Amino acid sequence: MSTSDGSKLLVWFNQAKCYFDLREIPEISKLRDARICLMGSAQIWLQLEEKSKPFVGWG
């Protein structure tokens, strides 16, 4: 799975969904796997989101 700095997040998100489907990644592991691919402002955004509300699903 590729990394993202948040500049083309929708493209990255769709690629991640395809990756998760192809690899049959369990729902519980998707956020953990995605977290290591976010960089810079995207990583900061995720940290702030996780503090303000719990993650309920990949979508």
N, C-alpha and C. Protein backbone atom coordinates (compact mmCIF):
# COMPACT_ATOMS: atom_id res chain seq x y z
N MET A 1 0.85 -1.17 0.00
CA MET A 1 0.00 0.00 0.00
C MET A 1 0.90 1.23 0.00
N SER A 2 0.52 2.22 -0.78
CA SER A 2 1.33 3.43 -0.89
C SER A 2 1.11 4.37 0.29
N THR A 3 2.01 5.34 0.42
CA THR A 3 1.88 6.34 1.48
C THR A 3 1.08 7.53 0.97
N SER A 4 0.59 8.35 1.91
CA SER A 4 -0.15 9.56 1.55
C SER A 4 0.20 10.68 2.51
N ASP A 5 0.38 11.87 1.95
CA ASP A 5 0.60 13.05 2.77
C ASP A 5 -0.70 13.86 2.91
N GLY A 6 -1.77 13.34 2.34
CA GLY A 6 -3.08 13.99 2.43
C GLY A 6 -3.43 14.81 1.20
N SER A 7 -2.49 15.01 0.28
CA SER A 7 -2.76 15.86 -0.87
C SER A 7 -3.73 15.22 -1.87
N LYS A 8 -3.73 13.92 -1.98
CA LYS A 8 -4.65 13.20 -2.87
C LYS A 8 -5.29 12.08 -2.07
N LEU A 9 -5.92 12.47 -0.98
CA LEU A 9 -6.41 11.48 -0.02
C LEU A 9 -7.51 10.59 -0.58
N LEU A 10 -8.40 11.12 -1.40
CA LEU A 10 -9.47 10.30 -1.95
C LEU A 10 -8.91 9.21 -2.87
N VAL A 11 -7.93 9.56 -3.68
CA VAL A 11 -7.28 8.57 -4.55
C VAL A 11 -6.62 7.49 -3.69
N TRP A 12 -5.88 7.92 -2.65
CA TRP A 12 -5.22 6.97 -1.77
C TRP A 12 -6.23 6.08 -1.06
N PHE A 13 -7.33 6.68 -0.58
CA PHE A 13 -8.36 5.93 0.12
C PHE A 13 -8.94 4.83 -0.78
N ASN A 14 -9.24 5.15 -2.02
CA ASN A 14 -9.78 4.15 -2.94
C ASN A 14 -8.77 3.05 -3.23
N GLN A 15 -7.50 3.41 -3.35
CA GLN A 15 -6.45 2.39 -3.54
C GLN A 15 -6.34 1.50 -2.31
N ALA A 16 -6.44 2.11 -1.13
CA ALA A 16 -6.37 1.34 0.10
C ALA A 16 -7.54 0.35 0.19
N LYS A 17 -8.74 0.80 -0.16
CA LYS A 17 -9.90 -0.10 -0.14
C LYS A 17 -9.67 -1.30 -1.06
N CYS A 18 -9.13 -1.06 -2.24
CA CYS A 18 -8.84 -2.16 -3.17
C CYS A 18 -7.79 -3.10 -2.58
N TYR A 19 -6.75 -2.53 -1.99
CA TYR A 19 -5.70 -3.33 -1.35
C TYR A 19 -6.30 -4.21 -0.25
N PHE A 20 -7.12 -3.62 0.60
CA PHE A 20 -7.73 -4.37 1.70
C PHE A 20 -8.60 -5.50 1.18
N ASP A 21 -9.36 -5.23 0.12
CA ASP A 21 -10.21 -6.26 -0.47
C ASP A 21 -9.38 -7.39 -1.08
N LEU A 22 -8.35 -7.03 -1.83
CA LEU A 22 -7.52 -8.05 -2.48
C LEU A 22 -6.79 -8.93 -1.47
N ARG A 23 -6.32 -8.32 -0.41
CA ARG A 23 -5.58 -9.05 0.62
C ARG A 23 -6.47 -9.65 1.70
N GLU A 24 -7.77 -9.37 1.60
CA GLU A 24 -8.75 -9.84 2.59
C GLU A 24 -8.34 -9.45 4.01
N ILE A 25 -7.98 -8.17 4.16
CA ILE A 25 -7.56 -7.63 5.45
C ILE A 25 -8.79 -7.51 6.35
N PRO A 26 -8.76 -8.04 7.56
CA PRO A 26 -9.90 -7.93 8.46
C PRO A 26 -10.17 -6.47 8.84
N GLU A 27 -11.42 -6.14 9.05
CA GLU A 27 -11.84 -4.78 9.38
C GLU A 27 -11.03 -4.21 10.54
N ILE A 28 -10.80 -5.02 11.54
CA ILE A 28 -10.10 -4.57 12.75
C ILE A 28 -8.66 -4.14 12.46
N SER A 29 -8.06 -4.65 11.38
CA SER A 29 -6.67 -4.36 11.05
C SER A 29 -6.50 -3.20 10.07
N LYS A 30 -7.56 -2.78 9.43
CA LYS A 30 -7.44 -1.77 8.37
C LYS A 30 -6.90 -0.44 8.87
N LEU A 31 -7.40 0.06 9.98
CA LEU A 31 -6.93 1.34 10.48
C LEU A 31 -5.46 1.25 10.90
N ARG A 32 -5.09 0.17 11.54
CA ARG A 32 -3.69 -0.02 11.92
C ARG A 32 -2.79 0.00 10.70
N ASP A 33 -3.19 -0.70 9.65
CA ASP A 33 -2.40 -0.75 8.43
C ASP A 33 -2.36 0.60 7.73
N ALA A 34 -3.48 1.29 7.71
CA ALA A 34 -3.54 2.61 7.07
C ALA A 34 -2.71 3.62 7.83
N ARG A 35 -2.71 3.53 9.14
CA ARG A 35 -1.99 4.49 9.99
C ARG A 35 -0.50 4.57 9.63
N ILE A 36 0.10 3.45 9.30
CA ILE A 36 1.54 3.46 9.00
C ILE A 36 1.84 4.05 7.62
N CYS A 37 0.80 4.26 6.80
CA CYS A 37 1.00 4.81 5.46
C CYS A 37 0.73 6.31 5.38
N LEU A 38 0.22 6.89 6.45
CA LEU A 38 -0.06 8.33 6.44
C LEU A 38 1.15 9.09 6.92
N MET A 39 1.41 10.21 6.26
CA MET A 39 2.58 11.02 6.58
C MET A 39 2.17 12.49 6.70
N GLY A 40 2.99 13.26 7.38
CA GLY A 40 2.80 14.71 7.45
C GLY A 40 1.44 15.13 7.97
N SER A 41 0.78 16.02 7.22
CA SER A 41 -0.50 16.57 7.67
C SER A 41 -1.59 15.50 7.76
N ALA A 42 -1.51 14.46 6.93
CA ALA A 42 -2.50 13.38 7.00
C ALA A 42 -2.38 12.61 8.32
N GLN A 43 -1.17 12.41 8.76
CA GLN A 43 -0.93 11.71 10.03
C GLN A 43 -1.43 12.56 11.21
N ILE A 44 -1.16 13.84 11.16
CA ILE A 44 -1.63 14.74 12.21
C ILE A 44 -3.15 14.77 12.24
N TRP A 45 -3.78 14.84 11.07
CA TRP A 45 -5.24 14.84 10.99
C TRP A 45 -5.81 13.58 11.66
N LEU A 46 -5.24 12.42 11.34
CA LEU A 46 -5.75 11.17 11.91
C LEU A 46 -5.61 11.16 13.43
N GLN A 47 -4.50 11.63 13.94
CA GLN A 47 -4.30 11.68 15.39
C GLN A 47 -5.36 12.56 16.06
N LEU A 48 -5.65 13.71 15.46
CA LEU A 48 -6.68 14.60 16.02
C LEU A 48 -8.07 13.96 15.95
N GLU A 49 -8.35 13.29 14.84
CA GLU A 49 -9.64 12.62 14.69
C GLU A 49 -9.81 11.51 15.73
N GLU A 50 -8.76 10.76 15.95
CA GLU A 50 -8.84 9.65 16.91
C GLU A 50 -9.08 10.16 18.33
N LYS A 51 -8.57 11.33 18.63
CA LYS A 51 -8.78 11.91 19.96
C LYS A 51 -10.20 12.43 20.13
N SER A 52 -10.80 12.93 19.05
CA SER A 52 -12.12 13.56 19.16
C SER A 52 -13.28 12.57 19.04
N LYS A 53 -13.10 11.48 18.29
CA LYS A 53 -14.17 10.49 18.14
C LYS A 53 -13.58 9.14 17.77
N PRO A 54 -14.22 8.08 18.22
CA PRO A 54 -13.70 6.73 17.92
C PRO A 54 -13.93 6.35 16.45
N PHE A 55 -13.05 5.55 15.94
CA PHE A 55 -13.18 5.03 14.58
C PHE A 55 -14.22 3.91 14.58
N VAL A 56 -15.23 4.02 13.72
CA VAL A 56 -16.31 3.02 13.74
C VAL A 56 -16.27 2.08 12.53
N GLY A 57 -15.51 2.38 11.54
CA GLY A 57 -15.43 1.48 10.40
C GLY A 57 -14.73 2.14 9.23
N TRP A 58 -14.30 1.34 8.32
CA TRP A 58 -13.54 1.83 7.19
C TRP A 58 -14.44 2.56 6.18
N GLY A 59 -15.67 2.21 6.10
CA GLY A 59 -16.58 2.93 5.19
C GLY A 59 -17.01 2.08 4.12
